[in-house]
Amino acid sequence: MGKLIAISHPLVQHKLSMLRDRETPTKQFRELVEEISMLMAYEVTRDLPTREVPVETPFGRAVTKVVADRPVTLVPLLRSGLVMADGVAKLVPAARTGHIGIFREREDNRTVKYFCKLPEGVEDSLVLVFDAMLGTGMTAIKAVWMLKEAGCQNIRFVCLVASREGVDELMKVHPDVDVYAAGYDLETDEKGFVLPGLGDAGDRLFGTR
């Protein structure tokens, strides 16, 4: 059964508070999203397998651990997942990156897919899906279905702020997917925005309206 992993580290929570602030400018907002994502990555990748290797230090031989050769694929949802994936890629430079373009029509609640490009062999990797907000859960559910249709079996969903509704809906449809979130809010409004949330993350990241 999937579970919600709330990242409660003080540094994450401090930076999330700055991220929520409506006065935070675009440049700082982007930097904070990248920094929070990097900090969250420590928890998201906690169980990556390792193997022992010998290393010659300046004073002798040591047996150390490195990450085993298990492929990792980063899949940001366009647009707001892009900066999150960029942050994690700095910590896992060998990871490959796919992209999914999907959005929810607010008039009729339809999810619309407009782009999907995944690396070859994605089905054999640990797949980390990034979206700044998990609101109603509709786009997350659709994105995970797309990955499963491509053969992916080990999927984790990473977001900055999740709503109770979004977590419940995603886990109802995909009970095998864990959700990692820095913030957890209880409500969504009639347009599907998380309350109090942090606003439209895509617009705040890229200075658009």
N, C-alpha and C. Protein backbone atom coordinates (compact mmCIF):
# COMPACT_ATOMS: atom_id res chain seq x y z
N MET A 1 0.84 -1.20 0.00
CA MET A 1 0.00 0.00 0.00
C MET A 1 0.88 1.25 0.00
N GLY A 2 0.56 2.20 -0.86
CA GLY A 2 1.33 3.44 -0.91
C GLY A 2 1.17 4.25 0.37
N LYS A 3 2.14 5.10 0.61
CA LYS A 3 2.09 5.91 1.83
C LYS A 3 2.55 7.33 1.51
N LEU A 4 2.16 8.25 2.40
CA LEU A 4 2.61 9.63 2.31
C LEU A 4 3.82 9.80 3.21
N ILE A 5 4.91 10.27 2.62
CA ILE A 5 6.12 10.55 3.40
C ILE A 5 6.28 12.06 3.46
N ALA A 6 6.01 12.63 4.62
CA ALA A 6 6.13 14.08 4.82
C ALA A 6 7.55 14.41 5.23
N ILE A 7 8.20 15.30 4.48
CA ILE A 7 9.58 15.68 4.76
C ILE A 7 9.56 16.82 5.77
N SER A 8 9.86 16.51 7.00
CA SER A 8 9.72 17.50 8.08
C SER A 8 11.04 18.12 8.51
N HIS A 9 12.11 17.88 7.77
CA HIS A 9 13.41 18.43 8.14
C HIS A 9 13.31 19.95 8.30
N PRO A 10 13.94 20.50 9.34
CA PRO A 10 13.82 21.95 9.58
C PRO A 10 14.24 22.82 8.39
N LEU A 11 15.28 22.44 7.67
CA LEU A 11 15.70 23.25 6.52
C LEU A 11 14.65 23.24 5.42
N VAL A 12 14.03 22.08 5.20
CA VAL A 12 12.97 22.00 4.20
C VAL A 12 11.80 22.88 4.60
N GLN A 13 11.40 22.80 5.87
CA GLN A 13 10.26 23.58 6.33
C GLN A 13 10.55 25.08 6.31
N HIS A 14 11.78 25.46 6.64
CA HIS A 14 12.15 26.87 6.60
C HIS A 14 12.05 27.42 5.17
N LYS A 15 12.59 26.66 4.22
CA LYS A 15 12.56 27.11 2.83
C LYS A 15 11.15 27.06 2.25
N LEU A 16 10.34 26.10 2.71
CA LEU A 16 8.95 26.04 2.24
C LEU A 16 8.17 27.25 2.72
N SER A 17 8.45 27.73 3.92
CA SER A 17 7.79 28.93 4.42
C SER A 17 8.09 30.13 3.53
N MET A 18 9.34 30.24 3.10
CA MET A 18 9.71 31.32 2.18
C MET A 18 9.03 31.14 0.83
N LEU A 19 8.88 29.90 0.41
CA LEU A 19 8.25 29.61 -0.88
C LEU A 19 6.78 29.99 -0.87
N ARG A 20 6.11 29.79 0.25
CA ARG A 20 4.69 30.10 0.35
C ARG A 20 4.42 31.62 0.33
N ASP A 21 5.40 32.39 0.76
CA ASP A 21 5.23 33.84 0.88
C ASP A 21 4.93 34.47 -0.48
N ARG A 22 3.83 35.18 -0.58
CA ARG A 22 3.41 35.79 -1.85
C ARG A 22 4.39 36.86 -2.32
N GLU A 23 5.23 37.38 -1.44
CA GLU A 23 6.18 38.43 -1.81
C GLU A 23 7.50 37.88 -2.34
N THR A 24 7.70 36.58 -2.31
CA THR A 24 8.95 35.99 -2.79
C THR A 24 9.05 36.17 -4.31
N PRO A 25 10.10 36.82 -4.82
CA PRO A 25 10.20 37.07 -6.26
C PRO A 25 10.56 35.81 -7.05
N THR A 26 10.38 35.88 -8.35
CA THR A 26 10.56 34.72 -9.23
C THR A 26 11.93 34.08 -9.08
N LYS A 27 12.99 34.89 -9.11
CA LYS A 27 14.34 34.33 -9.04
C LYS A 27 14.54 33.54 -7.76
N GLN A 28 14.15 34.11 -6.64
CA GLN A 28 14.30 33.42 -5.36
C GLN A 28 13.38 32.20 -5.28
N PHE A 29 12.19 32.31 -5.85
CA PHE A 29 11.24 31.20 -5.87
C PHE A 29 11.85 29.99 -6.58
N ARG A 30 12.45 30.24 -7.74
CA ARG A 30 13.09 29.14 -8.49
C ARG A 30 14.23 28.53 -7.68
N GLU A 31 15.05 29.36 -7.07
CA GLU A 31 16.17 28.86 -6.28
C GLU A 31 15.69 28.02 -5.11
N LEU A 32 14.61 28.46 -4.46
CA LEU A 32 14.07 27.72 -3.33
C LEU A 32 13.50 26.36 -3.77
N VAL A 33 12.81 26.34 -4.90
CA VAL A 33 12.26 25.07 -5.41
C VAL A 33 13.39 24.08 -5.68
N GLU A 34 14.46 24.55 -6.27
CA GLU A 34 15.59 23.67 -6.55
C GLU A 34 16.25 23.19 -5.26
N GLU A 35 16.42 24.08 -4.31
CA GLU A 35 17.06 23.72 -3.04
C GLU A 35 16.21 22.72 -2.25
N ILE A 36 14.91 22.96 -2.18
CA ILE A 36 14.02 22.05 -1.46
C ILE A 36 14.03 20.68 -2.10
N SER A 37 14.00 20.65 -3.43
CA SER A 37 14.00 19.37 -4.15
C SER A 37 15.27 18.59 -3.88
N MET A 38 16.40 19.27 -3.83
CA MET A 38 17.66 18.60 -3.52
C MET A 38 17.64 18.02 -2.11
N LEU A 39 17.11 18.78 -1.16
CA LEU A 39 17.02 18.29 0.22
C LEU A 39 16.07 17.10 0.31
N MET A 40 14.95 17.17 -0.39
CA MET A 40 14.00 16.06 -0.38
C MET A 40 14.57 14.80 -0.99
N ALA A 41 15.49 14.98 -1.94
CA ALA A 41 16.06 13.83 -2.65
C ALA A 41 16.77 12.88 -1.70
N TYR A 42 17.31 13.39 -0.59
CA TYR A 42 17.97 12.51 0.37
C TYR A 42 17.00 11.46 0.90
N GLU A 43 15.76 11.88 1.15
CA GLU A 43 14.75 10.94 1.67
C GLU A 43 14.20 10.06 0.55
N VAL A 44 13.96 10.66 -0.61
CA VAL A 44 13.37 9.93 -1.73
C VAL A 44 14.28 8.79 -2.18
N THR A 45 15.60 8.99 -2.11
CA THR A 45 16.56 7.98 -2.59
C THR A 45 17.22 7.23 -1.44
N ARG A 46 16.64 7.30 -0.25
CA ARG A 46 17.26 6.70 0.93
C ARG A 46 17.57 5.21 0.76
N ASP A 47 16.72 4.48 0.04
CA ASP A 47 16.89 3.04 -0.06
C ASP A 47 17.55 2.57 -1.35
N LEU A 48 18.24 3.49 -2.05
CA LEU A 48 18.98 3.06 -3.23
C LEU A 48 20.03 2.01 -2.82
N PRO A 49 20.14 0.92 -3.57
CA PRO A 49 21.11 -0.10 -3.20
C PRO A 49 22.54 0.38 -3.40
N THR A 50 23.45 -0.12 -2.58
CA THR A 50 24.86 0.23 -2.68
C THR A 50 25.70 -1.03 -2.83
N ARG A 51 26.94 -0.83 -3.25
CA ARG A 51 27.90 -1.93 -3.32
C ARG A 51 29.24 -1.44 -2.79
N GLU A 52 30.04 -2.36 -2.30
CA GLU A 52 31.33 -2.00 -1.73
C GLU A 52 32.42 -1.96 -2.81
N VAL A 53 33.28 -0.96 -2.70
CA VAL A 53 34.41 -0.85 -3.63
C VAL A 53 35.65 -0.46 -2.82
N PRO A 54 36.81 -0.91 -3.26
CA PRO A 54 38.05 -0.50 -2.59
C PRO A 54 38.51 0.86 -3.10
N VAL A 55 38.99 1.69 -2.20
CA VAL A 55 39.49 3.02 -2.56
C VAL A 55 40.82 3.25 -1.87
N GLU A 56 41.78 3.77 -2.61
CA GLU A 56 43.08 4.11 -2.03
C GLU A 56 43.05 5.55 -1.54
N THR A 57 43.11 5.73 -0.24
CA THR A 57 43.17 7.07 0.34
C THR A 57 44.63 7.50 0.45
N PRO A 58 44.91 8.74 0.80
CA PRO A 58 46.32 9.16 0.96
C PRO A 58 47.07 8.36 2.02
N PHE A 59 46.34 7.67 2.92
CA PHE A 59 47.00 6.95 4.01
C PHE A 59 46.78 5.45 3.97
N GLY A 60 46.11 4.95 2.95
CA GLY A 60 45.90 3.50 2.91
C GLY A 60 44.68 3.12 2.10
N ARG A 61 44.26 1.89 2.30
CA ARG A 61 43.16 1.31 1.53
C ARG A 61 41.89 1.29 2.37
N ALA A 62 40.78 1.72 1.78
CA ALA A 62 39.49 1.71 2.47
C ALA A 62 38.47 0.97 1.61
N VAL A 63 37.58 0.28 2.29
CA VAL A 63 36.45 -0.34 1.59
C VAL A 63 35.24 0.57 1.81
N THR A 64 34.74 1.16 0.73
CA THR A 64 33.68 2.16 0.82
C THR A 64 32.46 1.71 0.03
N LYS A 65 31.41 2.49 0.11
CA LYS A 65 30.17 2.16 -0.59
C LYS A 65 29.86 3.19 -1.67
N VAL A 66 29.38 2.70 -2.80
CA VAL A 66 28.88 3.56 -3.87
C VAL A 66 27.50 3.07 -4.26
N VAL A 67 26.74 3.93 -4.91
CA VAL A 67 25.41 3.54 -5.36
C VAL A 67 25.55 2.45 -6.42
N ALA A 68 24.80 1.38 -6.25
CA ALA A 68 24.84 0.27 -7.20
C ALA A 68 24.29 0.72 -8.56
N ASP A 69 24.56 -0.07 -9.55
CA ASP A 69 24.17 0.28 -10.92
C ASP A 69 22.69 0.04 -11.15
N ARG A 70 21.87 0.80 -10.46
CA ARG A 70 20.43 0.72 -10.65
C ARG A 70 19.97 2.00 -11.33
N PRO A 71 19.36 1.89 -12.50
CA PRO A 71 18.98 3.11 -13.23
C PRO A 71 17.90 3.91 -12.51
N VAL A 72 18.03 5.23 -12.58
CA VAL A 72 17.04 6.15 -12.03
C VAL A 72 16.59 7.07 -13.15
N THR A 73 15.29 7.26 -13.27
CA THR A 73 14.74 8.17 -14.28
C THR A 73 13.94 9.26 -13.60
N LEU A 74 14.23 10.49 -13.96
CA LEU A 74 13.50 11.65 -13.45
C LEU A 74 12.46 12.07 -14.48
N VAL A 75 11.22 12.22 -14.04
CA VAL A 75 10.14 12.58 -14.97
C VAL A 75 9.38 13.79 -14.42
N PRO A 76 9.79 14.99 -14.81
CA PRO A 76 9.03 16.18 -14.40
C PRO A 76 7.76 16.32 -15.23
N LEU A 77 6.69 16.76 -14.57
CA LEU A 77 5.47 17.13 -15.28
C LEU A 77 5.59 18.60 -15.64
N LEU A 78 5.38 18.92 -16.91
CA LEU A 78 5.53 20.28 -17.39
C LEU A 78 4.37 21.15 -16.90
N ARG A 79 4.64 22.36 -16.36
CA ARG A 79 5.94 23.01 -16.31
C ARG A 79 6.60 22.90 -14.94
N SER A 80 5.80 22.84 -13.89
CA SER A 80 6.34 23.10 -12.56
C SER A 80 7.28 22.03 -12.04
N GLY A 81 7.28 20.86 -12.66
CA GLY A 81 8.20 19.83 -12.21
C GLY A 81 9.62 19.98 -12.73
N LEU A 82 9.82 20.88 -13.72
CA LEU A 82 11.12 21.01 -14.36
C LEU A 82 12.22 21.41 -13.39
N VAL A 83 12.00 22.45 -12.62
CA VAL A 83 13.03 22.96 -11.73
C VAL A 83 13.30 21.95 -10.61
N MET A 84 12.28 21.23 -10.17
CA MET A 84 12.47 20.20 -9.16
C MET A 84 13.41 19.12 -9.68
N ALA A 85 13.17 18.65 -10.90
CA ALA A 85 14.02 17.61 -11.48
C ALA A 85 15.44 18.10 -11.69
N ASP A 86 15.59 19.36 -12.06
CA ASP A 86 16.94 19.93 -12.24
C ASP A 86 17.73 19.86 -10.93
N GLY A 87 17.06 20.15 -9.82
CA GLY A 87 17.74 20.10 -8.53
C GLY A 87 18.21 18.69 -8.20
N VAL A 88 17.33 17.71 -8.40
CA VAL A 88 17.67 16.32 -8.08
C VAL A 88 18.76 15.80 -9.02
N ALA A 89 18.74 16.25 -10.27
CA ALA A 89 19.75 15.80 -11.24
C ALA A 89 21.16 16.19 -10.80
N LYS A 90 21.29 17.24 -10.02
CA LYS A 90 22.61 17.64 -9.54
C LYS A 90 23.16 16.62 -8.54
N LEU A 91 22.27 15.94 -7.84
CA LEU A 91 22.69 14.93 -6.88
C LEU A 91 22.82 13.55 -7.52
N VAL A 92 22.04 13.31 -8.58
CA VAL A 92 22.06 12.01 -9.26
C VAL A 92 22.35 12.27 -10.74
N PRO A 93 23.58 12.67 -11.06
CA PRO A 93 23.88 13.09 -12.43
C PRO A 93 23.76 11.98 -13.46
N ALA A 94 23.81 10.72 -13.02
CA ALA A 94 23.68 9.61 -13.97
C ALA A 94 22.23 9.33 -14.34
N ALA A 95 21.29 9.96 -13.65
CA ALA A 95 19.88 9.73 -13.92
C ALA A 95 19.50 10.26 -15.30
N ARG A 96 18.63 9.53 -15.96
CA ARG A 96 18.09 10.00 -17.23
C ARG A 96 16.81 10.78 -16.96
N THR A 97 16.38 11.56 -17.93
CA THR A 97 15.20 12.41 -17.73
C THR A 97 14.20 12.22 -18.85
N GLY A 98 12.95 11.97 -18.47
CA GLY A 98 11.84 11.97 -19.41
C GLY A 98 10.98 13.19 -19.12
N HIS A 99 10.01 13.45 -19.97
CA HIS A 99 9.11 14.59 -19.75
C HIS A 99 7.68 14.20 -20.09
N ILE A 100 6.75 14.65 -19.26
CA ILE A 100 5.33 14.46 -19.54
C ILE A 100 4.65 15.82 -19.48
N GLY A 101 3.93 16.14 -20.55
CA GLY A 101 3.12 17.36 -20.60
C GLY A 101 1.66 16.99 -20.42
N ILE A 102 1.06 17.46 -19.36
CA ILE A 102 -0.32 17.11 -19.06
C ILE A 102 -0.94 18.22 -18.22
N PHE A 103 -2.22 18.51 -18.45
CA PHE A 103 -2.87 19.52 -17.63
C PHE A 103 -4.34 19.15 -17.46
N ARG A 104 -4.97 19.79 -16.50
CA ARG A 104 -6.39 19.53 -16.22
C ARG A 104 -7.22 20.71 -16.71
N GLU A 105 -8.20 20.41 -17.58
CA GLU A 105 -9.14 21.43 -18.03
C GLU A 105 -10.06 21.77 -16.87
N ARG A 106 -10.00 23.03 -16.41
CA ARG A 106 -10.77 23.39 -15.23
C ARG A 106 -12.27 23.47 -15.50
N GLU A 107 -12.65 23.64 -16.78
CA GLU A 107 -14.06 23.74 -17.10
C GLU A 107 -14.79 22.41 -16.92
N ASP A 108 -14.18 21.32 -17.42
CA ASP A 108 -14.87 20.02 -17.36
C ASP A 108 -14.05 18.95 -16.63
N ASN A 109 -12.93 19.37 -16.02
CA ASN A 109 -12.11 18.47 -15.20
C ASN A 109 -11.41 17.37 -16.00
N ARG A 110 -11.33 17.53 -17.34
CA ARG A 110 -10.63 16.54 -18.15
C ARG A 110 -9.12 16.72 -18.01
N THR A 111 -8.39 15.61 -18.04
CA THR A 111 -6.94 15.69 -18.10
C THR A 111 -6.52 15.56 -19.56
N VAL A 112 -5.67 16.47 -19.99
CA VAL A 112 -5.25 16.53 -21.39
C VAL A 112 -3.75 16.28 -21.49
N LYS A 113 -3.37 15.26 -22.21
CA LYS A 113 -1.95 14.97 -22.44
C LYS A 113 -1.52 15.62 -23.75
N TYR A 114 -0.41 16.35 -23.73
CA TYR A 114 0.06 16.96 -24.96
C TYR A 114 1.50 16.62 -25.29
N PHE A 115 2.21 15.93 -24.39
CA PHE A 115 3.59 15.56 -24.69
C PHE A 115 4.02 14.42 -23.78
N CYS A 116 4.77 13.48 -24.32
CA CYS A 116 5.36 12.41 -23.52
C CYS A 116 6.60 11.88 -24.23
N LYS A 117 7.73 12.01 -23.57
CA LYS A 117 8.98 11.49 -24.12
C LYS A 117 9.75 10.84 -22.98
N LEU A 118 9.91 9.52 -23.06
CA LEU A 118 10.57 8.76 -22.00
C LEU A 118 11.81 8.09 -22.55
N PRO A 119 12.85 7.98 -21.74
CA PRO A 119 14.08 7.33 -22.23
C PRO A 119 13.88 5.84 -22.42
N GLU A 120 14.68 5.27 -23.30
CA GLU A 120 14.62 3.83 -23.55
C GLU A 120 15.00 3.07 -22.27
N GLY A 121 14.29 1.99 -22.00
CA GLY A 121 14.57 1.20 -20.83
C GLY A 121 14.00 1.75 -19.54
N VAL A 122 13.09 2.72 -19.63
CA VAL A 122 12.53 3.35 -18.44
C VAL A 122 11.82 2.34 -17.55
N GLU A 123 11.33 1.26 -18.17
CA GLU A 123 10.58 0.28 -17.39
C GLU A 123 11.44 -0.46 -16.37
N ASP A 124 12.75 -0.41 -16.53
CA ASP A 124 13.64 -1.11 -15.60
C ASP A 124 14.22 -0.20 -14.53
N SER A 125 13.77 1.03 -14.45
CA SER A 125 14.39 1.99 -13.54
C SER A 125 13.45 2.40 -12.41
N LEU A 126 14.04 3.01 -11.40
CA LEU A 126 13.26 3.70 -10.39
C LEU A 126 12.83 5.03 -11.00
N VAL A 127 11.53 5.28 -11.04
CA VAL A 127 11.02 6.49 -11.70
C VAL A 127 10.53 7.47 -10.64
N LEU A 128 11.11 8.67 -10.66
CA LEU A 128 10.69 9.74 -9.76
C LEU A 128 9.92 10.77 -10.56
N VAL A 129 8.65 10.93 -10.22
CA VAL A 129 7.78 11.88 -10.92
C VAL A 129 7.72 13.16 -10.09
N PHE A 130 7.90 14.31 -10.77
CA PHE A 130 7.95 15.59 -10.07
C PHE A 130 6.82 16.51 -10.53
N ASP A 131 6.11 17.06 -9.56
CA ASP A 131 5.13 18.12 -9.83
C ASP A 131 5.09 18.98 -8.58
N ALA A 132 5.09 20.28 -8.74
CA ALA A 132 5.17 21.15 -7.57
C ALA A 132 3.98 20.94 -6.64
N MET A 133 2.79 20.78 -7.22
CA MET A 133 1.58 20.67 -6.41
C MET A 133 0.83 19.39 -6.73
N LEU A 134 0.29 18.76 -5.70
CA LEU A 134 -0.64 17.65 -5.88
C LEU A 134 -1.98 18.13 -5.37
N GLY A 135 -2.82 18.61 -6.31
CA GLY A 135 -4.09 19.23 -5.95
C GLY A 135 -5.23 18.23 -5.93
N THR A 136 -5.97 18.13 -7.04
CA THR A 136 -7.06 17.16 -7.12
C THR A 136 -6.54 15.75 -7.33
N GLY A 137 -5.31 15.64 -7.84
CA GLY A 137 -4.73 14.33 -8.11
C GLY A 137 -4.95 13.83 -9.52
N MET A 138 -5.76 14.53 -10.31
CA MET A 138 -6.12 14.03 -11.64
C MET A 138 -4.93 13.93 -12.59
N THR A 139 -4.09 14.98 -12.64
CA THR A 139 -2.94 14.92 -13.55
C THR A 139 -1.93 13.89 -13.05
N ALA A 140 -1.77 13.79 -11.75
CA ALA A 140 -0.84 12.79 -11.20
C ALA A 140 -1.29 11.39 -11.55
N ILE A 141 -2.58 11.12 -11.41
CA ILE A 141 -3.12 9.79 -11.73
C ILE A 141 -2.87 9.45 -13.19
N LYS A 142 -3.15 10.40 -14.08
CA LYS A 142 -2.96 10.17 -15.51
C LYS A 142 -1.49 9.96 -15.84
N ALA A 143 -0.61 10.75 -15.25
CA ALA A 143 0.82 10.61 -15.52
C ALA A 143 1.32 9.24 -15.08
N VAL A 144 0.89 8.78 -13.93
CA VAL A 144 1.31 7.46 -13.46
C VAL A 144 0.78 6.36 -14.37
N TRP A 145 -0.47 6.51 -14.85
CA TRP A 145 -0.99 5.53 -15.81
C TRP A 145 -0.10 5.48 -17.06
N MET A 146 0.32 6.63 -17.54
CA MET A 146 1.17 6.68 -18.74
C MET A 146 2.47 5.94 -18.50
N LEU A 147 3.03 6.11 -17.32
CA LEU A 147 4.28 5.42 -16.99
C LEU A 147 4.07 3.92 -16.86
N LYS A 148 2.97 3.53 -16.27
CA LYS A 148 2.68 2.10 -16.14
C LYS A 148 2.43 1.47 -17.50
N GLU A 149 1.80 2.22 -18.40
CA GLU A 149 1.58 1.71 -19.75
C GLU A 149 2.91 1.52 -20.49
N ALA A 150 3.93 2.29 -20.06
CA ALA A 150 5.27 2.13 -20.64
C ALA A 150 6.05 1.01 -19.95
N GLY A 151 5.42 0.35 -18.98
CA GLY A 151 6.05 -0.78 -18.31
C GLY A 151 6.69 -0.48 -16.97
N CYS A 152 6.59 0.76 -16.50
CA CYS A 152 7.23 1.14 -15.23
C CYS A 152 6.48 0.51 -14.06
N GLN A 153 7.25 -0.02 -13.10
CA GLN A 153 6.66 -0.67 -11.94
C GLN A 153 7.08 -0.04 -10.62
N ASN A 154 8.18 0.70 -10.62
CA ASN A 154 8.69 1.30 -9.38
C ASN A 154 8.62 2.82 -9.52
N ILE A 155 7.52 3.41 -9.07
CA ILE A 155 7.24 4.83 -9.30
C ILE A 155 7.05 5.53 -7.96
N ARG A 156 7.65 6.71 -7.81
CA ARG A 156 7.46 7.54 -6.63
C ARG A 156 7.08 8.95 -7.08
N PHE A 157 6.11 9.53 -6.39
CA PHE A 157 5.63 10.87 -6.75
C PHE A 157 6.17 11.88 -5.75
N VAL A 158 6.84 12.92 -6.26
CA VAL A 158 7.51 13.91 -5.41
C VAL A 158 6.90 15.28 -5.68
N CYS A 159 6.41 15.95 -4.63
CA CYS A 159 5.81 17.27 -4.79
C CYS A 159 6.22 18.17 -3.64
N LEU A 160 6.04 19.46 -3.84
CA LEU A 160 6.34 20.42 -2.79
C LEU A 160 5.21 20.46 -1.77
N VAL A 161 3.97 20.59 -2.26
CA VAL A 161 2.81 20.64 -1.38
C VAL A 161 1.73 19.70 -1.93
N ALA A 162 1.20 18.86 -1.06
CA ALA A 162 0.13 17.95 -1.44
C ALA A 162 -1.14 18.30 -0.67
N SER A 163 -2.28 18.09 -1.30
CA SER A 163 -3.55 18.25 -0.60
C SER A 163 -4.04 16.88 -0.13
N ARG A 164 -4.87 16.89 0.87
CA ARG A 164 -5.45 15.63 1.35
C ARG A 164 -6.22 14.93 0.24
N GLU A 165 -6.99 15.72 -0.53
CA GLU A 165 -7.77 15.15 -1.63
C GLU A 165 -6.86 14.48 -2.66
N GLY A 166 -5.78 15.18 -3.04
CA GLY A 166 -4.89 14.65 -4.05
C GLY A 166 -4.21 13.36 -3.62
N VAL A 167 -3.75 13.32 -2.39
CA VAL A 167 -3.10 12.11 -1.87
C VAL A 167 -4.09 10.96 -1.85
N ASP A 168 -5.30 11.21 -1.35
CA ASP A 168 -6.31 10.15 -1.27
C ASP A 168 -6.67 9.61 -2.64
N GLU A 169 -6.87 10.51 -3.61
CA GLU A 169 -7.27 10.08 -4.95
C GLU A 169 -6.14 9.31 -5.65
N LEU A 170 -4.91 9.80 -5.52
CA LEU A 170 -3.79 9.12 -6.17
C LEU A 170 -3.59 7.72 -5.58
N MET A 171 -3.67 7.60 -4.27
CA MET A 171 -3.45 6.30 -3.63
C MET A 171 -4.61 5.35 -3.85
N LYS A 172 -5.82 5.91 -4.07
CA LYS A 172 -6.97 5.06 -4.36
C LYS A 172 -6.78 4.35 -5.70
N VAL A 173 -6.27 5.09 -6.69
CA VAL A 173 -6.10 4.52 -8.03
C VAL A 173 -4.77 3.78 -8.16
N HIS A 174 -3.73 4.33 -7.51
CA HIS A 174 -2.39 3.73 -7.61
C HIS A 174 -1.86 3.45 -6.20
N PRO A 175 -2.34 2.41 -5.56
CA PRO A 175 -1.93 2.13 -4.18
C PRO A 175 -0.48 1.69 -4.03
N ASP A 176 0.20 1.48 -5.14
CA ASP A 176 1.60 1.06 -5.10
C ASP A 176 2.57 2.24 -5.23
N VAL A 177 2.07 3.47 -5.26
CA VAL A 177 2.91 4.65 -5.46
C VAL A 177 2.99 5.45 -4.16
N ASP A 178 4.21 5.64 -3.67
CA ASP A 178 4.42 6.49 -2.49
C ASP A 178 4.47 7.95 -2.91
N VAL A 179 4.01 8.82 -2.02
CA VAL A 179 4.02 10.27 -2.25
C VAL A 179 4.95 10.92 -1.24
N TYR A 180 5.89 11.72 -1.75
CA TYR A 180 6.81 12.48 -0.92
C TYR A 180 6.43 13.95 -1.03
N ALA A 181 6.22 14.61 0.10
CA ALA A 181 5.78 16.00 0.09
C ALA A 181 6.45 16.78 1.21
N ALA A 182 6.78 18.05 0.90
CA ALA A 182 7.34 18.93 1.93
C ALA A 182 6.23 19.56 2.76
N GLY A 183 5.07 19.78 2.14
CA GLY A 183 3.93 20.37 2.84
C GLY A 183 2.67 19.58 2.57
N TYR A 184 1.76 19.57 3.53
CA TYR A 184 0.50 18.83 3.39
C TYR A 184 -0.64 19.74 3.84
N ASP A 185 -1.48 20.14 2.89
CA ASP A 185 -2.61 21.04 3.17
C ASP A 185 -3.92 20.28 3.03
N LEU A 186 -4.93 20.72 3.75
CA LEU A 186 -6.16 19.94 3.84
C LEU A 186 -7.18 20.25 2.76
N GLU A 187 -7.11 21.42 2.13
CA GLU A 187 -8.20 21.83 1.25
C GLU A 187 -7.74 22.13 -0.18
N THR A 188 -8.70 22.09 -1.10
CA THR A 188 -8.54 22.62 -2.45
C THR A 188 -9.76 23.49 -2.74
N ASP A 189 -9.58 24.51 -3.61
CA ASP A 189 -10.72 25.35 -3.95
C ASP A 189 -11.46 24.80 -5.15
N GLU A 190 -12.47 25.54 -5.63
CA GLU A 190 -13.29 25.06 -6.73
C GLU A 190 -12.53 24.92 -8.04
N LYS A 191 -11.37 25.57 -8.13
CA LYS A 191 -10.54 25.45 -9.33
C LYS A 191 -9.45 24.39 -9.19
N GLY A 192 -9.41 23.75 -8.04
CA GLY A 192 -8.42 22.69 -7.84
C GLY A 192 -7.12 23.16 -7.26
N PHE A 193 -7.02 24.45 -6.88
CA PHE A 193 -5.80 24.93 -6.26
C PHE A 193 -5.74 24.50 -4.79
N VAL A 194 -4.54 24.16 -4.34
CA VAL A 194 -4.34 23.75 -2.95
C VAL A 194 -4.42 24.98 -2.05
N LEU A 195 -5.13 24.84 -0.92
CA LEU A 195 -5.27 25.93 0.05
C LEU A 195 -4.64 25.55 1.38
N PRO A 196 -3.81 26.40 1.96
CA PRO A 196 -3.37 27.71 1.45
C PRO A 196 -2.34 27.60 0.33
N GLY A 197 -1.68 26.46 0.21
CA GLY A 197 -0.78 26.23 -0.92
C GLY A 197 0.33 27.24 -1.04
N LEU A 198 0.72 27.49 -2.30
CA LEU A 198 1.72 28.52 -2.58
C LEU A 198 1.43 29.23 -3.89
N GLY A 199 0.17 29.14 -4.33
CA GLY A 199 -0.23 29.80 -5.57
C GLY A 199 -0.01 28.89 -6.76
N ASP A 200 -0.06 29.47 -7.96
CA ASP A 200 0.21 28.73 -9.19
C ASP A 200 1.71 28.59 -9.34
N ALA A 201 2.24 27.41 -9.04
CA ALA A 201 3.70 27.22 -9.01
C ALA A 201 4.34 27.48 -10.37
N GLY A 202 3.69 27.05 -11.45
CA GLY A 202 4.25 27.28 -12.77
C GLY A 202 4.41 28.75 -13.08
N ASP A 203 3.38 29.53 -12.79
CA ASP A 203 3.45 30.97 -13.03
C ASP A 203 4.51 31.62 -12.15
N ARG A 204 4.60 31.20 -10.91
CA ARG A 204 5.58 31.81 -10.00
C ARG A 204 7.01 31.41 -10.37
N LEU A 205 7.18 30.22 -10.93
CA LEU A 205 8.51 29.78 -11.35
C LEU A 205 9.02 30.54 -12.58
N PHE A 206 8.10 30.81 -13.50
CA PHE A 206 8.53 31.34 -14.80
C PHE A 206 8.05 32.77 -15.05
N GLY A 207 7.47 33.40 -14.03
CA GLY A 207 7.09 34.80 -14.15
C GLY A 207 5.97 35.04 -15.13
N THR A 208 5.06 34.06 -15.27
CA THR A 208 3.94 34.21 -16.20
C THR A 208 2.64 34.32 -15.41
N ARG A 209 1.56 34.57 -16.13
CA ARG A 209 0.24 34.66 -15.49
C ARG A 209 -0.72 33.72 -16.18
